[in-house]
C-alpha atoms as a PDB file:
ATOM      1  CA  MET A   1       9.322 -20.912   4.625  1.00  0.00           C
ATOM      2  CA  ILE A   2       8.348 -18.434   1.864  1.00  0.00           C
ATOM      3  CA  ARG A   3       5.211 -18.899  -0.089  1.00  0.00           C
ATOM      4  CA  VAL A   4       4.122 -16.790  -3.091  1.00  0.00           C
ATOM      5  CA  LEU A   5       0.474 -15.675  -2.778  1.00  0.00           C
ATOM      6  CA  SER A   6      -1.933 -15.905  -5.625  1.00  0.00           C
ATOM      7  CA  LYS A   7      -3.478 -12.591  -6.721  1.00  0.00           C
ATOM      8  CA  GLN A   8      -6.745 -13.674  -5.070  1.00  0.00           C
ATOM      9  CA  GLU A   9      -5.032 -14.477  -1.711  1.00  0.00           C
ATOM     10  CA  GLU A  10      -3.153 -11.148  -1.846  1.00  0.00           C
ATOM     11  CA  GLY A  11      -6.454  -9.276  -2.408  1.00  0.00           C
ATOM     12  CA  ARG A  12      -8.272 -11.132   0.342  1.00  0.00           C
ATOM     13  CA  LEU A  13      -5.466 -10.545   2.931  1.00  0.00           C
ATOM     14  CA  GLY A  14      -5.306  -6.896   1.981  1.00  0.00           C
ATOM     15  CA  ALA A  15      -9.095  -6.537   2.449  1.00  0.00           C
ATOM     16  CA  LEU A  16      -8.920  -8.246   5.826  1.00  0.00           C
ATOM     17  CA  GLY A  17      -6.011  -5.934   6.790  1.00  0.00           C
ATOM     18  CA  VAL A  18      -8.249  -2.938   6.011  1.00  0.00           C
ATOM     19  CA  ALA A  19     -11.050  -4.373   8.102  1.00  0.00           C
ATOM     20  CA  SER A  20      -8.798  -5.138  11.063  1.00  0.00           C
ATOM     21  CA  ASN A  21      -7.389  -1.605  11.029  1.00  0.00           C
ATOM     22  CA  SER A  22     -10.734   0.195  10.839  1.00  0.00           C
ATOM     23  CA  GLY A  23     -10.897   0.899  14.532  1.00  0.00           C
ATOM     24  CA  SER A  24     -14.076  -1.024  14.902  1.00  0.00           C
ATOM     25  CA  GLY A  25     -12.577  -4.522  14.552  1.00  0.00           C
ATOM     26  CA  GLY A  26     -14.174  -4.776  11.106  1.00  0.00           C
ATOM     27  CA  ARG A  27     -17.723  -4.641  12.459  1.00  0.00           C
ATOM     28  CA  THR A  28     -18.671  -1.575  10.392  1.00  0.00           C
ATOM     29  CA  VAL A  29     -16.482  -2.149   7.335  1.00  0.00           C
ATOM     30  CA  LYS A  30     -18.547  -2.820   4.265  1.00  0.00           C
ATOM     31  CA  GLY A  31     -17.754  -2.177   0.670  1.00  0.00           C
ATOM     32  CA  LEU A  32     -15.050  -2.403  -1.955  1.00  0.00           C
ATOM     33  CA  VAL A  33     -11.365  -2.445  -0.999  1.00  0.00           C
ATOM     34  CA  MET A  34      -8.758  -1.449  -3.454  1.00  0.00           C
ATOM     35  CA  GLU A  35      -5.134  -2.459  -2.764  1.00  0.00           C
ATOM     36  CA  LEU A  36      -2.634  -0.636  -4.951  1.00  0.00           C
ATOM     37  CA  GLY A  37       0.739  -2.366  -5.267  1.00  0.00           C
ATOM     38  CA  GLY A  38       3.757  -1.789  -7.506  1.00  0.00           C
ATOM     39  CA  GLY A  39       2.695  -4.005 -10.350  1.00  0.00           C
ATOM     40  CA  SER A  40      -1.018  -4.581  -9.839  1.00  0.00           C
ATOM     41  CA  VAL A  41      -4.310  -3.437  -8.244  1.00  0.00           C
ATOM     42  CA  GLN A  42      -6.574  -5.856  -6.368  1.00  0.00           C
ATOM     43  CA  LEU A  43     -10.309  -5.226  -5.772  1.00  0.00           C
ATOM     44  CA  MET A  44     -12.207  -7.163  -3.114  1.00  0.00           C
ATOM     45  CA  TRP A  45     -15.625  -6.900  -1.466  1.00  0.00           C
ATOM     46  CA  VAL A  46     -15.735  -6.883   2.358  1.00  0.00           C
ATOM     47  CA  VAL A  47     -18.943  -7.628   4.245  1.00  0.00           C
ATOM     48  CA  PRO A  48     -19.386  -7.651   8.109  1.00  0.00           C
ATOM     49  CA  ARG A  49     -21.077 -10.697   9.544  1.00  0.00           C
ATOM     50  CA  ALA A  50     -22.466 -11.575  12.984  1.00  0.00           C
ATOM     51  CA  GLY A  51     -20.034 -11.795  15.869  1.00  0.00           C
ATOM     52  CA  GLY A  52     -17.504  -9.420  14.411  1.00  0.00           C
ATOM     53  CA  VAL A  53     -16.561 -11.793  11.592  1.00  0.00           C
ATOM     54  CA  VAL A  54     -15.591 -10.196   8.333  1.00  0.00           C
ATOM     55  CA  SER A  55     -16.048 -12.075   5.093  1.00  0.00           C
ATOM     56  CA  THR A  56     -14.794 -11.414   1.618  1.00  0.00           C
ATOM     57  CA  CYS A  57     -16.133 -12.381  -1.772  1.00  0.00           C
ATOM     58  CA  SER A  58     -16.023 -16.148  -2.411  1.00  0.00           C
ATOM     59  CA  GLN A  59     -14.949 -15.502  -6.038  1.00  0.00           C
ATOM     60  CA  GLY A  60     -11.702 -13.942  -4.785  1.00  0.00           C
ATOM     61  CA  ALA A  61     -10.064 -10.692  -5.693  1.00  0.00           C
ATOM     62  CA  LEU A  62     -10.040  -9.100  -9.117  1.00  0.00           C
ATOM     63  CA  SER A  63      -6.573  -8.187 -10.174  1.00  0.00           C
ATOM     64  CA  PHE A  64      -5.529  -5.670 -12.801  1.00  0.00           C
ATOM     65  CA  PRO A  65      -1.979  -4.912 -14.073  1.00  0.00           C
ATOM     66  CA  TYR A  66      -2.195  -1.234 -13.134  1.00  0.00           C
ATOM     67  CA  GLY A  67      -0.011  -0.851 -10.010  1.00  0.00           C
ATOM     68  CA  ALA A  68       1.962   2.358  -9.338  1.00  0.00           C
ATOM     69  CA  ALA A  69       5.218   1.182 -10.889  1.00  0.00           C
ATOM     70  CA  ALA A  70       3.513  -0.332 -13.866  1.00  0.00           C
ATOM     71  CA  LEU A  71       1.546   2.855 -14.580  1.00  0.00           C
ATOM     72  CA  LYS A  72       4.681   5.022 -14.148  1.00  0.00           C
ATOM     73  CA  SER A  73       6.497   2.830 -16.600  1.00  0.00           C
ATOM     74  CA  ARG A  74       3.661   3.120 -19.125  1.00  0.00           C
ATOM     75  CA  LEU A  75       3.524   6.903 -18.758  1.00  0.00           C
ATOM     76  CA  GLU A  76       7.287   7.187 -19.260  1.00  0.00           C
ATOM     77  CA  ARG A  77       7.110   5.067 -22.399  1.00  0.00           C
ATOM     78  CA  GLY A  78       4.139   7.117 -23.663  1.00  0.00           C
ATOM     79  CA  GLY A  79       5.964  10.367 -22.938  1.00  0.00           C
ATOM     80  CA  LYS A  80       8.755   9.377 -25.213  1.00  0.00           C
ATOM     81  CA  LYS A  81       6.283   8.977 -28.010  1.00  0.00           C
ATOM     82  CA  GLY A  82       4.770  12.443 -27.492  1.00  0.00           C
ATOM     83  CA  LYS A  83       1.857  14.003 -25.615  1.00  0.00           C
ATOM     84  CA  GLN A  84      -0.711  12.207 -27.769  1.00  0.00           C
ATOM     85  CA  ALA A  85       0.342   8.803 -26.286  1.00  0.00           C
ATOM     86  CA  GLU A  86      -0.500   9.962 -22.762  1.00  0.00           C
ATOM     87  CA  ARG A  87      -4.194  10.364 -23.490  1.00  0.00           C
END
């Protein structure tokens, strides 16, 4: 079964992936995680808890439409309008 994730779920899972790959099992991971995709960027807070548990912000991830492919497309469109559009 395939299920499309919400932007908040995508951000949370990305943050937990960073914590699980930190080499410390997430125990020392604390801070802001940025997950850059093709069409968007998700930001999520990660905080270590007792017993090696990692929690994320209860408000969910913040998502912005500035992924790598989206930015490349915008720059290409801007380049066609001249150098002023790139600023």
